[in-house]
């Protein structure tokens, strides 16, 4: 696992998909998602998308080369009048470096806009800046969310070495906010004994306010066998001796043998309560914006300009 986690730059490989838009269920919430890529080179120690079914997750990035064409067909044949907001993406970062080469996320966004489908983007990247105009022209029907774990460079380099520094991301957020795009920050995961102190949380929340972010929310780290092994390596890199404290916070004994282990409910309530108070005190919302809701599919575009000549 450590070798896979911190090895050299990944290889890119093209693949074709039979479908691209899928339903998902998370904690009772259902929705739609598309993932133009499989795998991610951000190499976050806490990544939930890794596991035994994706042993090359960090080292081989698959580009679903026909994603936009498949999405076009799925939108054209959508059998319901309404479509739920589409998450881009749920199992990888849609604006990881592979997007510079393939542009699949941009093409998929163009298709969603073409059919009046609402969407929200989850990313840890600054590469999305390239598509500022694309999202800005659709600002009434989209929501861009950046996942920011810490403003500390020391922590970032150990925990998520493939991501850009927080100050770079906040620079991009300010540009989107100035363009009228609804921007959010997901402080996720909040890492116990690493990023859960008031100083760390306040720094992130203050930067959100300064960048014009309207919506901020967060969640506590969850553990799984592979995540726990990477986190222990991260603690060593950071010089932290917190393994025994983690066993108390998450109430487990090694070897960790469970799908997911959540932190003690009292710890979660205290930590998320402090975060929520910080957010509300600064006049931001601790929730998704109301304009991200189901919308009617618009098929008036059928028979008109094809995707390949659609202007960005």
Protein backbone atom coordinates (compact mmCIF):
# COMPACT_ATOMS: atom_id res chain seq x y z
CA UNK A 1 0.00 0.00 0.00
CA UNK A 2 2.68 2.67 0.84
CA UNK A 3 4.46 1.97 -2.47
CA UNK A 4 1.23 2.42 -4.41
CA UNK A 5 0.37 5.55 -2.48
CA UNK A 6 3.59 7.51 -2.98
CA UNK A 7 4.93 6.10 -6.25
CA UNK A 8 5.74 8.05 -9.42
CA UNK A 9 3.36 9.87 -11.76
CA UNK A 10 0.45 7.72 -12.97
CA UNK A 11 -0.05 6.25 -16.40
CA UNK A 12 -3.02 7.32 -18.52
CA UNK A 13 -5.14 4.86 -20.42
CA UNK A 14 -8.25 5.34 -22.56
CA UNK A 15 -11.30 3.13 -22.19
CA UNK A 16 -14.87 3.10 -23.48
CA UNK A 17 -17.94 3.01 -21.27
CA UNK A 18 -21.38 1.61 -21.94
CA UNK A 19 -23.05 4.12 -19.62
CA UNK A 20 -21.94 7.25 -17.80
CA UNK A 21 -24.77 8.57 -15.64
CA UNK A 22 -25.60 6.48 -12.56
CA UNK A 23 -27.70 6.68 -9.43
CA UNK A 24 -26.05 6.65 -6.02
CA UNK A 25 -27.25 6.40 -2.43
CA UNK A 26 -25.22 7.93 0.42
CA UNK A 27 -26.61 8.06 3.97
CA UNK A 28 -30.17 7.90 2.66
CA UNK A 29 -29.60 10.60 0.03
CA UNK A 30 -30.14 9.53 -3.57
CA UNK A 31 -28.88 11.34 -6.63
CA UNK A 32 -27.20 11.11 -10.01
CA UNK A 33 -23.50 11.13 -10.72
CA UNK A 34 -21.06 10.93 -13.61
CA UNK A 35 -17.37 10.02 -13.36
CA UNK A 36 -15.44 10.83 -16.57
CA UNK A 37 -12.31 9.27 -15.07
CA UNK A 38 -11.46 6.22 -13.01
CA UNK A 39 -8.60 6.64 -10.56
CA UNK A 40 -7.09 9.86 -9.25
CA UNK A 41 -3.58 11.20 -8.92
CA UNK A 42 -4.22 13.52 -5.99
CA UNK A 43 -3.11 10.65 -3.75
CA UNK A 44 -5.13 11.62 -0.69
CA UNK A 45 -4.35 9.34 2.25
CA UNK A 46 -7.99 9.34 3.36
CA UNK A 47 -9.49 8.60 -0.09
CA UNK A 48 -12.74 6.64 0.19
CA UNK A 49 -12.73 5.63 -3.50
CA UNK A 50 -9.78 3.28 -3.09
CA UNK A 51 -10.02 -0.32 -1.93
CA UNK A 52 -9.18 -3.82 -3.04
CA UNK A 53 -11.30 -3.42 -6.18
CA UNK A 54 -9.08 -0.53 -7.33
CA UNK A 55 -5.46 -1.45 -6.46
CA UNK A 56 -4.11 0.88 -9.18
CA UNK A 57 -6.31 3.81 -8.21
CA UNK A 58 -3.41 6.24 -7.76
CA UNK A 59 -1.13 4.91 -10.48
CA UNK A 60 -3.32 4.23 -13.51
CA UNK A 61 -5.90 6.79 -14.58
CA UNK A 62 -8.55 5.56 -16.99
CA UNK A 63 -10.14 8.20 -19.21
CA UNK A 64 -13.64 7.24 -20.34
CA UNK A 65 -12.98 8.57 -23.76
CA UNK A 66 -16.59 8.32 -25.01
CA UNK A 67 -18.13 9.80 -21.85
CA UNK A 68 -19.65 12.88 -23.49
CA UNK A 69 -21.09 10.95 -26.44
CA UNK A 70 -22.69 8.40 -24.11
CA UNK A 71 -24.05 11.18 -21.89
CA UNK A 72 -25.52 12.88 -24.96
CA UNK A 73 -27.43 9.70 -25.83
CA UNK A 74 -28.59 9.22 -22.25
CA UNK A 75 -29.87 12.79 -22.02
CA UNK A 76 -31.61 12.55 -25.39
CA UNK A 77 -33.43 9.38 -24.30
CA UNK A 78 -34.20 10.52 -20.72
CA UNK A 79 -37.65 9.15 -19.94
CA UNK A 80 -38.59 11.53 -17.13
CA UNK A 81 -39.63 15.15 -17.43
CA UNK A 82 -37.36 16.14 -14.57
CA UNK A 83 -33.77 15.32 -13.80
CA UNK A 84 -32.13 15.45 -10.38
CA UNK A 85 -28.94 17.49 -9.93
CA UNK A 86 -25.94 15.58 -11.28
CA UNK A 87 -22.82 15.23 -9.15
CA UNK A 88 -19.53 15.59 -11.06
CA UNK A 89 -17.85 13.38 -9.75
CA UNK A 90 -18.49 10.96 -6.89
CA UNK A 91 -15.50 8.58 -7.14
CA UNK A 92 -12.65 10.69 -8.51
CA UNK A 93 -11.71 14.32 -9.13
CA UNK A 94 -13.18 15.54 -12.44
CA UNK A 95 -10.51 18.25 -12.69
CA UNK A 96 -7.43 16.19 -11.88
CA UNK A 97 -4.46 16.69 -14.27
CA UNK A 98 -5.84 14.12 -16.73
CA UNK A 99 -8.52 16.68 -17.61
CA UNK A 100 -5.84 18.88 -19.20
CA UNK A 101 -5.13 16.13 -21.70
CA UNK A 102 -8.61 14.73 -22.32
CA UNK A 103 -11.11 17.50 -21.52
CA UNK A 104 -13.82 14.94 -20.72
CA UNK A 105 -15.33 16.87 -17.81
CA UNK A 106 -15.67 19.98 -19.94
CA UNK A 107 -17.45 18.03 -22.67
CA UNK A 108 -19.81 16.39 -20.18
CA UNK A 109 -20.63 19.77 -18.63
CA UNK A 110 -21.47 21.09 -22.09
CA UNK A 111 -23.94 18.24 -22.59
CA UNK A 112 -25.61 18.83 -19.21
CA UNK A 113 -25.96 22.52 -19.98
CA UNK A 114 -27.36 21.71 -23.41
CA UNK A 115 -30.22 19.76 -21.82
CA UNK A 116 -30.80 22.17 -18.89
CA UNK A 117 -29.62 19.60 -16.35
CA UNK A 118 -28.57 21.04 -12.96
CA UNK A 119 -25.18 19.93 -11.68
CA UNK A 120 -22.67 20.41 -8.92
CA UNK A 121 -18.95 19.81 -9.19
CA UNK A 122 -16.77 18.39 -6.41
CA UNK A 123 -13.07 19.07 -6.90
CA UNK A 124 -9.80 19.67 -5.05
CA UNK A 125 -8.19 21.20 -8.12
CA UNK A 126 -7.35 24.63 -9.51
CA UNK A 127 -7.54 23.31 -13.08
CA UNK A 128 -11.26 24.15 -13.07
CA UNK A 129 -10.21 27.79 -13.56
CA UNK A 130 -9.84 26.96 -17.26
CA UNK A 131 -13.62 26.42 -17.43
CA UNK A 132 -14.63 29.53 -15.51
CA UNK A 133 -16.58 31.04 -18.41
CA UNK A 134 -18.29 27.72 -19.12
CA UNK A 135 -19.67 27.43 -15.58
CA UNK A 136 -20.31 31.16 -15.18
CA UNK A 137 -22.72 31.27 -18.10
CA UNK A 138 -24.73 28.53 -16.33
CA UNK A 139 -24.45 29.99 -12.82
CA UNK A 140 -28.23 29.86 -12.25
CA UNK A 141 -28.14 26.06 -12.53
CA UNK A 142 -24.81 24.91 -11.08
CA UNK A 143 -22.84 24.84 -7.85
CA UNK A 144 -19.06 24.44 -7.62
CA UNK A 145 -17.70 22.81 -4.46
CA UNK A 146 -14.05 22.65 -3.53
CA UNK A 147 -12.95 20.07 -0.98
CA UNK A 148 -10.40 21.72 1.31
CA UNK A 149 -8.92 19.75 4.18
CA UNK A 150 -6.36 22.22 5.52
CA UNK A 151 -4.62 25.53 4.92
CA UNK A 152 -1.40 24.14 6.37
CA UNK A 153 1.19 23.30 3.72
CA UNK A 154 2.97 20.89 6.05
CA UNK A 155 -0.21 18.88 6.60
CA UNK A 156 -1.31 19.06 2.97
CA UNK A 157 1.96 17.68 1.66
CA UNK A 158 1.66 14.67 3.95
CA UNK A 159 -2.07 14.02 3.66
CA UNK A 160 -2.87 14.90 0.02
CA UNK A 161 0.45 15.40 -1.81
CA UNK A 162 -1.04 15.61 -5.31
CA UNK A 163 -3.34 18.56 -4.60
CA UNK A 164 -2.56 22.28 -5.04
CA UNK A 165 -1.95 24.52 -2.01
CA UNK A 166 -5.04 25.97 -0.36
CA UNK A 167 -4.07 29.56 -1.22
CA UNK A 168 -4.06 28.64 -4.92
CA UNK A 169 -7.51 27.09 -4.64
CA UNK A 170 -8.90 30.11 -2.79
CA UNK A 171 -7.54 32.38 -5.54
CA UNK A 172 -9.60 30.37 -8.05
CA UNK A 173 -12.66 30.39 -5.80
CA UNK A 174 -12.50 34.20 -5.64
CA UNK A 175 -12.56 34.37 -9.45
CA UNK A 176 -15.63 32.12 -9.61
CA UNK A 177 -17.34 34.08 -6.85
CA UNK A 178 -16.60 37.38 -8.59
CA UNK A 179 -18.15 35.90 -11.76
CA UNK A 180 -21.39 35.24 -9.88
CA UNK A 181 -21.01 31.47 -9.56
CA UNK A 182 -22.34 29.94 -6.35
CA UNK A 183 -19.29 28.51 -4.58
CA UNK A 184 -19.02 26.06 -1.72
CA UNK A 185 -16.29 24.50 0.38
CA UNK A 186 -16.53 21.04 1.86
CA UNK A 187 -14.18 20.73 4.86
CA UNK A 188 -13.95 16.98 4.46
CA UNK A 189 -12.51 15.05 6.03
CA UNK A 190 -11.86 16.81 9.29
CA UNK A 191 -8.97 14.70 10.60
CA UNK A 192 -9.02 14.10 14.36
CA UNK A 193 -5.94 15.39 16.19
CA UNK A 194 -4.59 16.85 12.92
CA UNK A 195 -7.06 19.38 11.48
CA UNK A 196 -9.84 19.42 14.09
CA UNK A 197 -8.51 22.19 16.35
CA UNK A 198 -10.05 25.67 16.41
CA UNK A 199 -7.00 27.27 14.79
CA UNK A 200 -7.12 24.96 11.76
CA UNK A 201 -10.88 25.18 11.30
CA UNK A 202 -11.03 28.96 11.75
CA UNK A 203 -8.27 29.46 9.20
CA UNK A 204 -10.21 27.51 6.57
CA UNK A 205 -13.51 29.22 7.39
CA UNK A 206 -11.92 32.69 7.34
CA UNK A 207 -10.41 31.98 3.92
CA UNK A 208 -13.84 30.87 2.70
CA UNK A 209 -15.34 34.16 3.82
CA UNK A 210 -12.57 36.20 2.19
CA UNK A 211 -13.00 34.28 -1.10
CA UNK A 212 -16.73 34.96 -1.27
CA UNK A 213 -17.86 31.41 -0.54
CA UNK A 214 -21.58 31.19 0.21
CA UNK A 215 -21.94 27.62 1.47
CA UNK A 216 -19.59 25.68 3.76
CA UNK A 217 -20.08 22.25 5.29
CA UNK A 218 -17.92 19.39 6.49
CA UNK A 219 -17.63 15.84 7.78
CA UNK A 220 -15.39 13.82 10.06
CA UNK A 221 -12.91 11.27 8.71
CA UNK A 222 -14.15 7.70 8.49
CA UNK A 223 -11.74 4.79 8.73
CA UNK A 224 -11.45 1.61 6.72
CA UNK A 225 -8.66 -0.97 6.65
CA UNK A 226 -6.73 0.59 3.76
CA UNK A 227 -7.41 4.16 4.89
CA UNK A 228 -6.18 3.37 8.40
CA UNK A 229 -2.89 1.99 7.07
CA UNK A 230 -2.29 5.14 5.01
CA UNK A 231 -3.27 7.39 7.90
CA UNK A 232 -0.78 5.68 10.22
CA UNK A 233 1.93 6.37 7.64
CA UNK A 234 0.77 10.00 7.51
CA UNK A 235 1.03 10.33 11.27
CA UNK A 236 4.65 9.18 11.10
CA UNK A 237 5.42 11.72 8.37
CA UNK A 238 3.89 14.46 10.53
CA UNK A 239 5.68 13.22 13.66
CA UNK A 240 2.44 12.51 15.51
CA UNK A 241 1.94 9.73 18.06
CA UNK A 242 -1.85 9.47 17.98
CA UNK A 243 -2.64 5.83 17.15
CA UNK A 244 -3.87 4.95 20.63
CA UNK A 245 -5.98 8.10 20.79
CA UNK A 246 -7.58 7.16 17.47
CA UNK A 247 -8.58 3.80 18.92
CA UNK A 248 -10.43 5.68 21.62
CA UNK A 249 -12.05 8.24 19.32
CA UNK A 250 -13.16 5.58 16.83
CA UNK A 251 -13.66 2.82 19.41
CA UNK A 252 -11.79 -0.03 17.74
CA UNK A 253 -8.89 -2.38 18.32
CA UNK A 254 -6.37 -3.51 15.73
CA UNK A 255 -6.47 -5.16 13.36
CA UNK A 256 -9.20 -2.93 11.99
CA UNK A 257 -11.58 -5.25 10.16
CA UNK A 258 -14.67 -3.34 9.08
CA UNK A 259 -16.10 -1.63 6.03
CA UNK A 260 -16.16 1.74 7.78
CA UNK A 261 -15.62 2.97 11.31
CA UNK A 262 -16.98 6.36 12.34
CA UNK A 263 -15.77 8.54 15.17
CA UNK A 264 -17.66 8.52 18.44
CA UNK A 265 -20.93 10.45 18.10
CA UNK A 266 -20.09 12.85 20.93
CA UNK A 267 -16.79 13.74 19.22
CA UNK A 268 -18.59 14.29 15.91
CA UNK A 269 -21.28 16.46 17.49
CA UNK A 270 -18.72 18.64 19.27
CA UNK A 271 -16.45 19.09 16.27
CA UNK A 272 -19.15 19.69 13.67
CA UNK A 273 -20.96 21.96 16.13
CA UNK A 274 -17.86 24.16 16.43
CA UNK A 275 -17.46 24.23 12.64
CA UNK A 276 -21.11 25.13 12.11
CA UNK A 277 -20.89 27.98 14.63
CA UNK A 278 -17.81 29.40 12.90
CA UNK A 279 -19.59 29.29 9.54
CA UNK A 280 -22.83 30.88 10.73
CA UNK A 281 -20.97 33.59 12.67
CA UNK A 282 -19.36 34.69 9.40
CA UNK A 283 -22.68 34.89 7.57
CA UNK A 284 -22.29 31.78 5.43
CA UNK A 285 -24.66 28.84 5.09
CA UNK A 286 -23.99 25.37 6.51
CA UNK A 287 -25.89 23.64 3.69
CA UNK A 288 -26.36 23.26 -0.06
CA UNK A 289 -27.88 26.22 -1.92
CA UNK A 290 -31.59 26.08 -2.69
CA UNK A 291 -31.23 26.59 -6.45
CA UNK A 292 -29.67 23.12 -6.85
CA UNK A 293 -32.89 21.16 -7.30
CA UNK A 294 -34.57 18.96 -9.95
CA UNK A 295 -35.19 20.71 -13.28
CA UNK A 296 -37.10 19.90 -16.44
CA UNK A 297 -35.02 18.36 -19.20
CA UNK A 298 -34.94 20.57 -22.31
CA UNK A 299 -34.88 18.47 -25.48
CA UNK A 300 -35.46 21.34 -27.87
CA UNK A 301 -31.79 20.98 -28.84
CA UNK A 302 -32.41 17.59 -30.49
CA UNK A 303 -31.62 17.65 -34.18
CA UNK A 304 -29.59 20.83 -33.82
CA UNK A 305 -25.84 21.38 -33.48
CA UNK A 306 -23.96 18.23 -32.48
CA UNK A 307 -21.81 17.93 -29.39
CA UNK A 308 -18.62 17.91 -31.44
CA UNK A 309 -19.21 21.46 -32.63
CA UNK A 310 -20.75 22.75 -29.41
CA UNK A 311 -19.00 25.97 -28.46
CA UNK A 312 -17.48 26.27 -24.95
